[in-house]
Amino acid sequence: MRRAYVRALLASALLVGCGTTDDRPATFEVISLEILAPTCGAVQCHSTTTYLEGLAFDTLDACRESLRGGEAREILEVIDEQEMPPDSPMFENDIALLKQWFAAGRPGL
């Protein structure tokens, strides 16, 4: 009985960690505030303080301006290829939501 309980507990723990769904909507606000600002918009990176590579993601207005440019697809490619952010790759669910937002035509810009 105890062994079955432990197996069930382990199986449920594995299921919780695997295959989680992302119920966030693919909106400009979510992309900007929940993904790009905390991941890319740090003061030393792509912020309105530094404008590295001419990009800033720390405010909605700066993010909108950065994503309206012709480099928007390149930004997605660099993130998808895990070249950026340099310290640690972006979470897979964040990349998937970014791709979904791009595929939908970048609504909200």
Protein backbone atom coordinates (compact mmCIF):
# COMPACT_ATOMS: atom_id res chain seq x y z
CA MET A 1 0.00 0.00 0.00
CA ARG A 2 2.75 2.42 0.94
CA ARG A 3 4.67 1.66 -2.27
CA ALA A 4 1.59 2.42 -4.40
CA TYR A 5 1.11 5.71 -2.56
CA VAL A 6 4.72 6.74 -3.16
CA ARG A 7 4.44 5.85 -6.86
CA ALA A 8 1.25 7.86 -7.22
CA LEU A 9 2.83 10.81 -5.43
CA LEU A 10 5.90 10.71 -7.69
CA ALA A 11 3.79 10.40 -10.83
CA SER A 12 1.69 13.41 -9.87
CA ALA A 13 4.80 15.43 -9.09
CA LEU A 14 6.23 14.63 -12.52
CA LEU A 15 2.99 15.57 -14.24
CA VAL A 16 2.91 18.93 -12.50
CA GLY A 17 6.38 19.79 -13.78
CA CYS A 18 5.87 18.50 -17.32
CA GLY A 19 3.58 19.73 -20.02
CA THR A 20 2.29 22.74 -18.17
CA THR A 21 0.04 24.95 -20.24
CA ASP A 22 0.44 28.67 -20.62
CA ASP A 23 -2.91 30.36 -20.26
CA ARG A 24 -1.56 33.88 -20.75
CA PRO A 25 -3.04 35.67 -23.75
CA ALA A 26 -0.68 36.56 -26.60
CA THR A 27 -1.22 40.31 -26.26
CA PHE A 28 1.19 43.19 -26.60
CA GLU A 29 0.88 43.97 -22.90
CA VAL A 30 1.72 40.42 -21.81
CA ILE A 31 4.60 40.20 -24.28
CA SER A 32 5.96 43.56 -23.12
CA LEU A 33 5.38 43.53 -19.39
CA GLU A 34 5.68 39.83 -18.54
CA ILE A 35 8.29 38.64 -21.01
CA LEU A 36 10.44 41.35 -22.60
CA ALA A 37 10.65 43.90 -19.78
CA PRO A 38 11.94 41.52 -17.09
CA THR A 39 14.04 39.40 -19.46
CA CYS A 40 15.50 41.97 -21.87
CA GLY A 41 14.74 45.40 -20.40
CA ALA A 42 17.17 45.47 -17.49
CA VAL A 43 19.02 48.76 -17.01
CA GLN A 44 22.30 47.32 -18.31
CA CYS A 45 20.64 45.73 -21.36
CA HIS A 46 17.89 46.99 -23.67
CA SER A 47 16.42 49.78 -21.54
CA THR A 48 15.55 53.41 -22.03
CA THR A 49 18.74 54.16 -20.10
CA THR A 50 21.11 52.36 -22.47
CA TYR A 51 19.22 51.69 -25.74
CA LEU A 52 21.70 48.92 -26.62
CA GLU A 53 21.45 48.21 -30.36
CA GLY A 54 18.83 50.97 -30.46
CA LEU A 55 16.31 48.79 -28.59
CA ALA A 56 14.52 49.26 -25.28
CA PHE A 57 12.01 46.94 -23.65
CA ASP A 58 11.57 48.36 -20.15
CA THR A 59 8.44 50.44 -20.87
CA LEU A 60 5.37 49.86 -23.02
CA ASP A 61 6.17 52.82 -25.26
CA ALA A 62 9.81 51.82 -25.75
CA CYS A 63 8.83 48.21 -26.38
CA ARG A 64 6.21 49.28 -28.93
CA GLU A 65 8.77 51.42 -30.75
CA SER A 66 11.39 48.65 -30.73
CA LEU A 67 8.96 46.04 -32.05
CA ARG A 68 7.53 48.28 -34.79
CA GLY A 69 10.85 48.52 -36.55
CA GLY A 70 12.06 46.30 -39.33
CA GLU A 71 14.25 44.39 -36.87
CA ALA A 72 11.28 42.82 -35.08
CA ARG A 73 11.67 39.44 -36.84
CA GLU A 74 15.41 39.50 -36.10
CA ILE A 75 14.63 40.05 -32.43
CA LEU A 76 12.46 36.92 -32.41
CA GLU A 77 15.15 34.92 -34.24
CA VAL A 78 17.87 35.95 -31.78
CA ILE A 79 15.64 34.97 -28.86
CA ASP A 80 14.54 31.71 -30.50
CA GLU A 81 18.13 30.72 -31.25
CA GLN A 82 18.90 31.48 -27.58
CA GLU A 83 21.57 34.03 -28.43
CA MET A 84 19.73 36.47 -26.18
CA PRO A 85 19.52 37.01 -23.31
CA PRO A 86 23.21 36.17 -22.95
CA ASP A 87 23.17 35.07 -19.30
CA SER A 88 20.36 32.54 -19.54
CA PRO A 89 17.98 31.53 -22.30
CA MET A 90 14.39 32.67 -22.21
CA PHE A 91 11.85 30.14 -20.92
CA GLU A 92 10.37 27.92 -23.64
CA ASN A 93 6.79 28.95 -22.78
CA ASP A 94 7.78 32.61 -23.17
CA ILE A 95 9.34 31.92 -26.57
CA ALA A 96 6.24 29.99 -27.62
CA LEU A 97 4.00 32.90 -26.60
CA LEU A 98 6.25 35.34 -28.50
CA LYS A 99 6.00 33.17 -31.61
CA GLN A 100 2.23 32.97 -31.24
CA TRP A 101 2.02 36.76 -30.95
CA PHE A 102 4.22 37.26 -34.02
CA ALA A 103 2.20 34.68 -36.00
CA ALA A 104 -0.99 36.59 -35.11
CA GLY A 105 0.48 39.72 -36.70
CA ARG A 106 1.76 41.39 -33.52
CA PRO A 107 -1.65 42.69 -32.34
CA GLY A 108 -1.60 45.76 -30.15
CA LEU A 109 1.25 47.52 -31.90
